[in-house]
N, C-alpha and C. Protein backbone atom coordinates (compact mmCIF):
# COMPACT_ATOMS: atom_id res chain seq x y z
N UNK A 1 182.15 32.46 -45.00
CA UNK A 1 180.60 31.53 -45.24
C UNK A 1 179.88 33.20 -44.78
N UNK A 2 178.77 33.69 -45.19
CA UNK A 2 177.70 34.57 -45.14
C UNK A 2 176.14 33.57 -44.53
N UNK A 3 176.06 35.02 -43.94
CA UNK A 3 174.72 34.35 -43.24
C UNK A 3 173.73 34.01 -43.64
N UNK A 4 173.73 33.90 -45.03
CA UNK A 4 172.17 33.04 -45.90
C UNK A 4 173.19 31.43 -45.78
N UNK A 5 174.49 31.43 -45.82
CA UNK A 5 174.89 30.50 -46.39
C UNK A 5 174.88 29.73 -44.98
N UNK A 6 175.59 30.41 -43.68
CA UNK A 6 175.31 29.16 -42.63
C UNK A 6 173.39 29.23 -41.83
N UNK A 7 172.60 29.95 -42.63
CA UNK A 7 171.44 29.57 -42.58
C UNK A 7 170.83 28.21 -42.71
N UNK A 8 171.34 28.12 -43.81
CA UNK A 8 171.26 26.86 -45.41
C UNK A 8 171.53 25.45 -44.62
N UNK A 9 172.91 25.69 -43.93
CA UNK A 9 173.68 25.15 -43.44
C UNK A 9 172.61 24.60 -42.06
N UNK A 10 172.19 25.24 -41.37
CA UNK A 10 171.58 25.23 -39.93
C UNK A 10 170.61 23.97 -40.05
N UNK A 11 169.99 24.47 -41.54
CA UNK A 11 168.42 24.34 -41.85
C UNK A 11 168.37 22.91 -42.51
N UNK A 12 170.04 23.09 -43.48
CA UNK A 12 169.40 21.32 -43.95
C UNK A 12 169.85 20.23 -43.18
N UNK A 13 171.09 20.62 -41.66
CA UNK A 13 171.05 19.76 -41.01
C UNK A 13 169.98 19.46 -39.73
N UNK A 14 169.15 20.48 -39.57
CA UNK A 14 168.20 20.31 -39.30
C UNK A 14 166.71 18.93 -39.31
N UNK A 15 166.38 19.06 -40.76
CA UNK A 15 166.45 18.72 -41.89
C UNK A 15 166.47 17.30 -42.18
N UNK A 16 168.02 17.06 -42.31
CA UNK A 16 168.92 15.40 -42.54
C UNK A 16 168.55 14.83 -40.80
N UNK A 17 168.62 15.59 -39.66
CA UNK A 17 168.12 14.73 -38.66
C UNK A 17 166.81 14.47 -38.26
N UNK A 18 165.79 14.99 -38.71
CA UNK A 18 164.27 14.97 -38.86
C UNK A 18 164.04 13.59 -39.81
N UNK A 19 165.10 13.54 -40.66
CA UNK A 19 164.97 12.32 -41.08
C UNK A 19 164.01 12.29 -42.58
N UNK A 20 163.80 11.62 -43.50
CA UNK A 20 163.16 11.57 -44.77
C UNK A 20 161.47 11.58 -44.58
N UNK A 21 161.33 10.65 -43.29
CA UNK A 21 159.79 9.88 -43.32
C UNK A 21 159.12 11.26 -42.10
N UNK A 22 159.93 11.84 -41.55
CA UNK A 22 159.13 12.93 -40.60
C UNK A 22 158.14 14.02 -41.63
N UNK A 23 156.93 14.31 -40.75
CA UNK A 23 156.46 14.67 -41.40
C UNK A 23 157.04 16.25 -41.12
N UNK A 24 156.59 17.27 -42.08
CA UNK A 24 157.37 18.63 -41.99
C UNK A 24 156.57 19.07 -40.51
N UNK A 25 156.50 19.13 -39.66
CA UNK A 25 155.70 20.17 -38.61
C UNK A 25 156.48 20.95 -37.95
N UNK A 26 156.01 22.52 -38.28
CA UNK A 26 157.10 24.05 -37.93
C UNK A 26 157.65 23.60 -36.79
N UNK A 27 156.98 23.24 -35.93
CA UNK A 27 157.43 23.16 -34.33
C UNK A 27 158.73 22.35 -33.77
N UNK A 28 158.16 21.03 -34.44
CA UNK A 28 159.57 19.65 -34.06
C UNK A 28 160.69 20.71 -35.38
N UNK A 29 160.25 20.81 -36.28
CA UNK A 29 161.78 21.68 -37.41
C UNK A 29 161.99 22.83 -36.95
N UNK A 30 161.58 23.80 -35.88
CA UNK A 30 162.16 24.63 -34.79
C UNK A 30 163.00 24.21 -33.60
N UNK A 31 162.25 23.02 -33.24
CA UNK A 31 163.10 22.57 -31.81
C UNK A 31 164.54 22.59 -32.93
N UNK A 32 164.42 21.29 -33.67
CA UNK A 32 165.63 20.67 -34.52
C UNK A 32 166.58 21.58 -34.94
N UNK A 33 166.56 22.23 -35.38
CA UNK A 33 166.98 23.96 -35.69
C UNK A 33 167.85 24.58 -34.71
N UNK A 34 166.98 24.46 -33.28
CA UNK A 34 167.55 24.74 -31.71
C UNK A 34 168.33 24.46 -31.49
N UNK A 35 168.49 23.28 -31.66
CA UNK A 35 169.15 22.19 -31.16
C UNK A 35 171.21 21.76 -31.95
N UNK A 36 170.43 21.93 -33.52
CA UNK A 36 171.54 21.88 -34.35
C UNK A 36 172.58 23.78 -33.63
N UNK A 37 171.85 24.75 -33.84
CA UNK A 37 172.34 25.59 -33.43
C UNK A 37 173.20 25.67 -31.78
N UNK A 38 172.51 25.12 -30.89
CA UNK A 38 173.20 25.17 -29.75
C UNK A 38 174.14 24.16 -29.95
N UNK A 39 174.46 23.23 -30.77
CA UNK A 39 175.75 22.18 -30.54
C UNK A 39 176.81 22.89 -31.60
N UNK A 40 176.28 22.83 -33.17
CA UNK A 40 177.15 24.09 -33.95
C UNK A 40 177.30 25.40 -34.20
N UNK A 41 176.73 26.30 -33.13
CA UNK A 41 176.52 27.32 -33.26
C UNK A 41 177.99 28.29 -33.45
N UNK A 42 178.50 27.94 -32.33
CA UNK A 42 180.00 28.50 -32.54
C UNK A 42 181.33 28.13 -33.51
N UNK A 43 180.52 26.98 -34.12
CA UNK A 43 181.75 26.71 -34.95
C UNK A 43 181.14 27.75 -36.61
N UNK A 44 179.96 27.16 -36.92
CA UNK A 44 179.50 28.01 -38.05
C UNK A 44 179.86 29.70 -37.74
N UNK A 45 179.61 30.14 -36.16
CA UNK A 45 180.05 31.32 -35.79
C UNK A 45 181.49 31.72 -36.36
N UNK A 46 182.02 31.06 -36.35
CA UNK A 46 183.78 30.97 -36.30
C UNK A 46 184.15 31.25 -38.31
N UNK A 47 183.17 30.34 -38.95
CA UNK A 47 183.15 30.34 -40.44
C UNK A 47 182.81 31.42 -40.71
N UNK A 48 182.00 32.50 -40.22
CA UNK A 48 181.36 33.20 -40.47
C UNK A 48 182.85 34.64 -41.06
N UNK A 49 182.30 35.19 -42.23
CA UNK A 49 183.31 36.47 -42.56
C UNK A 49 182.76 37.44 -41.55
N UNK A 50 184.17 38.30 -41.38
CA UNK A 50 183.89 39.08 -40.00
C UNK A 50 182.64 40.18 -40.52
N UNK A 51 182.20 40.94 -41.32
CA UNK A 51 181.18 41.63 -41.79
C UNK A 51 179.91 40.89 -41.41
N UNK A 52 179.81 39.71 -41.53
CA UNK A 52 178.54 38.45 -41.31
C UNK A 52 178.04 38.49 -40.02
N UNK A 53 179.76 38.33 -39.51
CA UNK A 53 179.84 38.29 -37.76
C UNK A 53 179.33 39.33 -37.39
N UNK A 54 179.65 40.74 -37.33
CA UNK A 54 179.20 42.27 -37.24
C UNK A 54 177.97 42.18 -37.22
N UNK A 55 177.39 42.02 -38.50
CA UNK A 55 175.69 42.19 -38.50
C UNK A 55 174.88 40.87 -37.72
N UNK A 56 175.59 39.41 -36.87
CA UNK A 56 174.86 38.87 -37.01
C UNK A 56 174.94 39.38 -35.41
N UNK A 57 175.97 40.23 -34.95
CA UNK A 57 176.19 41.09 -33.71
C UNK A 57 175.63 41.74 -33.28
N UNK A 58 175.53 42.81 -34.42
CA UNK A 58 173.77 43.62 -34.19
C UNK A 58 173.05 43.46 -34.01
N UNK A 59 172.44 42.80 -35.13
CA UNK A 59 170.92 42.11 -35.16
C UNK A 59 170.93 41.09 -33.69
N UNK A 60 171.82 40.91 -33.13
CA UNK A 60 171.65 40.77 -31.36
C UNK A 60 170.99 40.95 -30.42
N UNK A 61 172.15 42.00 -30.47
CA UNK A 61 171.83 43.51 -29.56
C UNK A 61 170.33 43.88 -30.20
N UNK A 62 169.38 44.33 -31.39
CA UNK A 62 168.71 45.37 -31.45
C UNK A 62 168.10 43.97 -30.98
N UNK A 63 167.82 42.30 -30.88
CA UNK A 63 166.82 41.50 -30.61
C UNK A 63 166.75 42.33 -29.04
N UNK A 64 167.92 41.53 -28.62
CA UNK A 64 167.75 41.95 -26.89
C UNK A 64 166.96 43.14 -26.32
N UNK A 65 167.64 44.43 -27.38
CA UNK A 65 166.78 45.68 -26.85
C UNK A 65 165.51 45.38 -26.99
N UNK A 66 165.01 44.92 -28.28
CA UNK A 66 163.49 44.83 -28.30
C UNK A 66 162.73 44.19 -27.37
N UNK A 67 163.25 42.90 -26.88
CA UNK A 67 162.65 42.38 -25.96
C UNK A 67 162.70 42.59 -25.03
N UNK A 68 163.62 43.58 -24.71
CA UNK A 68 163.74 44.38 -22.98
C UNK A 68 162.72 45.73 -23.57
N UNK A 69 162.22 46.12 -24.31
CA UNK A 69 161.39 46.70 -24.50
C UNK A 69 159.87 46.23 -24.38
N UNK A 70 159.42 45.10 -25.10
CA UNK A 70 158.49 44.17 -24.68
C UNK A 70 158.49 44.07 -23.56
N UNK A 71 159.08 43.21 -22.63
CA UNK A 71 159.49 43.12 -21.28
C UNK A 71 158.85 43.96 -20.61
N UNK A 72 159.28 45.38 -20.80
CA UNK A 72 158.62 46.19 -19.87
C UNK A 72 157.23 47.15 -20.12
N UNK A 73 157.13 47.06 -21.15
CA UNK A 73 155.38 47.40 -21.84
C UNK A 73 154.82 46.10 -21.16
N UNK A 74 155.25 44.93 -21.55
CA UNK A 74 154.37 43.63 -20.37
C UNK A 74 154.01 43.98 -18.96
N UNK A 75 155.27 44.26 -18.27
CA UNK A 75 155.10 44.93 -16.81
C UNK A 75 154.43 45.85 -16.53
N UNK A 76 154.40 46.62 -17.70
CA UNK A 76 153.12 47.81 -17.29
C UNK A 76 151.71 47.46 -17.30
N UNK A 77 151.26 46.81 -18.04
CA UNK A 77 150.60 46.01 -18.79
C UNK A 77 149.84 45.41 -17.50
N UNK A 78 150.85 44.31 -17.15
CA UNK A 78 150.43 43.87 -15.56
C UNK A 78 150.03 44.75 -14.09
N UNK A 79 150.93 45.41 -14.23
CA UNK A 79 151.00 46.84 -13.02
C UNK A 79 149.02 47.04 -12.88
N UNK A 80 148.99 47.88 -14.94
CA UNK A 80 147.93 48.44 -14.99
C UNK A 80 146.28 47.25 -14.67
N UNK A 81 146.61 46.30 -14.58
CA UNK A 81 145.68 45.45 -14.69
C UNK A 81 145.58 44.86 -13.21
N UNK A 82 146.46 44.78 -12.31
CA UNK A 82 146.70 44.46 -10.85
C UNK A 82 145.98 45.92 -10.51
N UNK A 83 146.13 47.14 -10.63
CA UNK A 83 145.41 48.23 -10.03
C UNK A 83 143.73 47.66 -10.53
N UNK A 84 144.00 48.20 -11.74
CA UNK A 84 142.13 47.61 -11.85
C UNK A 84 141.72 46.81 -10.72
N UNK A 85 142.07 45.47 -10.73
CA UNK A 85 141.84 44.72 -9.80
C UNK A 85 141.61 45.01 -8.40
N UNK A 86 142.80 45.58 -8.01
CA UNK A 86 142.81 45.80 -6.72
C UNK A 86 141.76 47.09 -6.35
N UNK A 87 141.49 48.24 -7.20
CA UNK A 87 140.69 49.54 -6.90
C UNK A 87 139.49 48.81 -7.71
N UNK A 88 138.85 47.87 -8.19
CA UNK A 88 137.87 47.63 -8.49
C UNK A 88 136.68 48.52 -9.45
N UNK A 89 138.04 48.69 -10.67
CA UNK A 89 137.15 50.13 -11.49
C UNK A 89 137.12 49.08 -12.95
N UNK A 90 136.85 49.97 -14.00
CA UNK A 90 136.58 49.60 -15.22
C UNK A 90 138.04 50.04 -16.19
N UNK A 91 138.23 51.57 -15.89
CA UNK A 91 139.20 51.96 -16.55
C UNK A 91 140.27 52.54 -15.83
N UNK A 92 141.40 52.77 -16.62
CA UNK A 92 142.34 53.26 -15.90
C UNK A 92 142.29 54.94 -15.15
N UNK A 93 141.47 55.14 -15.86
CA UNK A 93 141.12 56.41 -15.36
C UNK A 93 140.18 57.13 -14.19
N UNK A 94 139.82 55.72 -14.60
CA UNK A 94 139.19 55.98 -12.62
C UNK A 94 140.20 55.56 -11.12
N UNK A 95 141.04 55.62 -11.42
CA UNK A 95 142.07 54.99 -10.45
C UNK A 95 142.60 56.27 -9.95
N UNK A 96 142.63 56.64 -8.70
CA UNK A 96 143.22 57.70 -8.25
C UNK A 96 144.10 58.05 -8.81
N UNK A 97 144.72 59.87 -8.93
CA UNK A 97 145.36 60.48 -9.65
C UNK A 97 146.74 59.85 -9.33
N UNK A 98 147.55 59.57 -8.33
CA UNK A 98 148.70 58.73 -8.18
C UNK A 98 148.89 57.23 -8.67
N UNK A 99 147.53 57.14 -9.12
CA UNK A 99 148.03 55.55 -9.49
C UNK A 99 148.44 56.18 -11.24
N UNK A 100 147.26 56.53 -11.23
CA UNK A 100 147.32 57.49 -12.88
C UNK A 100 149.03 57.27 -13.32
N UNK A 101 149.52 58.24 -12.62
CA UNK A 101 150.72 59.03 -12.85
C UNK A 101 151.56 58.09 -12.79
N UNK A 102 151.55 56.86 -12.01
CA UNK A 102 152.96 55.94 -11.72
C UNK A 102 152.44 54.63 -12.57
N UNK A 103 151.08 54.15 -13.44
CA UNK A 103 150.83 53.73 -14.82
C UNK A 103 151.47 54.59 -15.72
N UNK A 104 151.38 55.87 -15.72
CA UNK A 104 151.84 57.08 -17.25
C UNK A 104 153.40 56.88 -17.03
N UNK A 105 153.65 56.68 -16.47
CA UNK A 105 155.59 56.80 -16.36
C UNK A 105 155.90 55.65 -16.50
N UNK A 106 155.42 54.46 -16.41
CA UNK A 106 155.87 53.37 -16.76
C UNK A 106 155.92 53.10 -17.91
N UNK A 107 154.50 53.06 -17.99
CA UNK A 107 153.41 53.40 -19.72
C UNK A 107 155.16 53.83 -20.85
N UNK A 108 155.25 55.15 -19.90
CA UNK A 108 156.27 56.04 -21.54
C UNK A 108 157.83 55.33 -21.23
N UNK A 109 158.07 54.94 -20.25
CA UNK A 109 159.19 54.56 -19.66
C UNK A 109 158.99 52.98 -20.58
N UNK A 110 158.69 52.35 -20.67
CA UNK A 110 158.51 51.10 -21.29
C UNK A 110 157.73 51.58 -23.06
N UNK A 111 157.34 52.12 -23.26
CA UNK A 111 157.29 52.71 -25.05
C UNK A 111 157.98 53.57 -25.25
N UNK A 112 158.42 54.58 -24.85
CA UNK A 112 159.10 55.78 -25.32
C UNK A 112 161.19 55.26 -25.83
N UNK A 113 160.65 54.03 -26.09
CA UNK A 113 162.38 53.64 -27.00
C UNK A 113 163.42 53.94 -26.16
N UNK A 114 163.54 53.71 -25.25
CA UNK A 114 164.60 53.91 -23.75
C UNK A 114 165.08 53.03 -24.01
N UNK A 115 166.73 52.69 -23.90
CA UNK A 115 167.41 51.59 -24.00
C UNK A 115 167.12 50.50 -22.55
N UNK A 116 167.87 49.50 -22.40
CA UNK A 116 167.47 49.16 -21.29
C UNK A 116 168.69 49.99 -20.12
N UNK A 117 170.25 50.68 -20.68
CA UNK A 117 170.68 51.25 -19.39
C UNK A 117 170.66 52.37 -19.76
N UNK A 118 169.21 53.03 -19.79
CA UNK A 118 168.82 54.22 -19.45
C UNK A 118 167.57 54.47 -18.61
N UNK A 119 166.92 53.12 -17.75
CA UNK A 119 166.36 52.73 -16.87
C UNK A 119 166.49 52.84 -15.86
């Protein structure tokens, strides 16, 4: 089985569970899809071709790396906000040089494309 076939199977099952009279609410559909994946994901994964499983693993790793990068960016932003609040300034450029350097270091680490293992 290929990934497109698995996706179709999951969506069909989620729609079946919602029933024919359910209003097509994207949030509800997303929740139902997550439940189907949680309950049947391993069985479906086992039916995938070796190539599809490898592709899915690779995409999962990429998503985890992107999520970690976004988490680091959010941490840097929150740090910058806390500095602005702490020093009661309008811009990061008004912060003491040591604080500017620390923020810059965090920002470069967050946006520089480092992988989580490299931090």
